């Protein structure tokens, strides 16, 4: 059965084209965490300036609001995934 409405025909063609396209799976990057880090070394510099280790600084500031809290929580989250 052919579509008589030109708009319906266009939608049908677009739908058929979308269904026939095969998406290639993207190769998983082995260094995806490096892309998630916005300011490399910032937490380390803050910890060093405070005279603390990175781990102690992150645990002390994990409940802070703002960028330092975000960096600390991210560090602790990544640290918990280490070794899996």
Foldseek 3Di string as FASTA:
>chain_A
DDDPDPVVNVVVVVVVVVVPDDDDDDDDDPPVVVVVDDDPPPLVVVQVVVVHHSLVQLVVQCPPDDDSVVVSVVVVVVVVVPPD
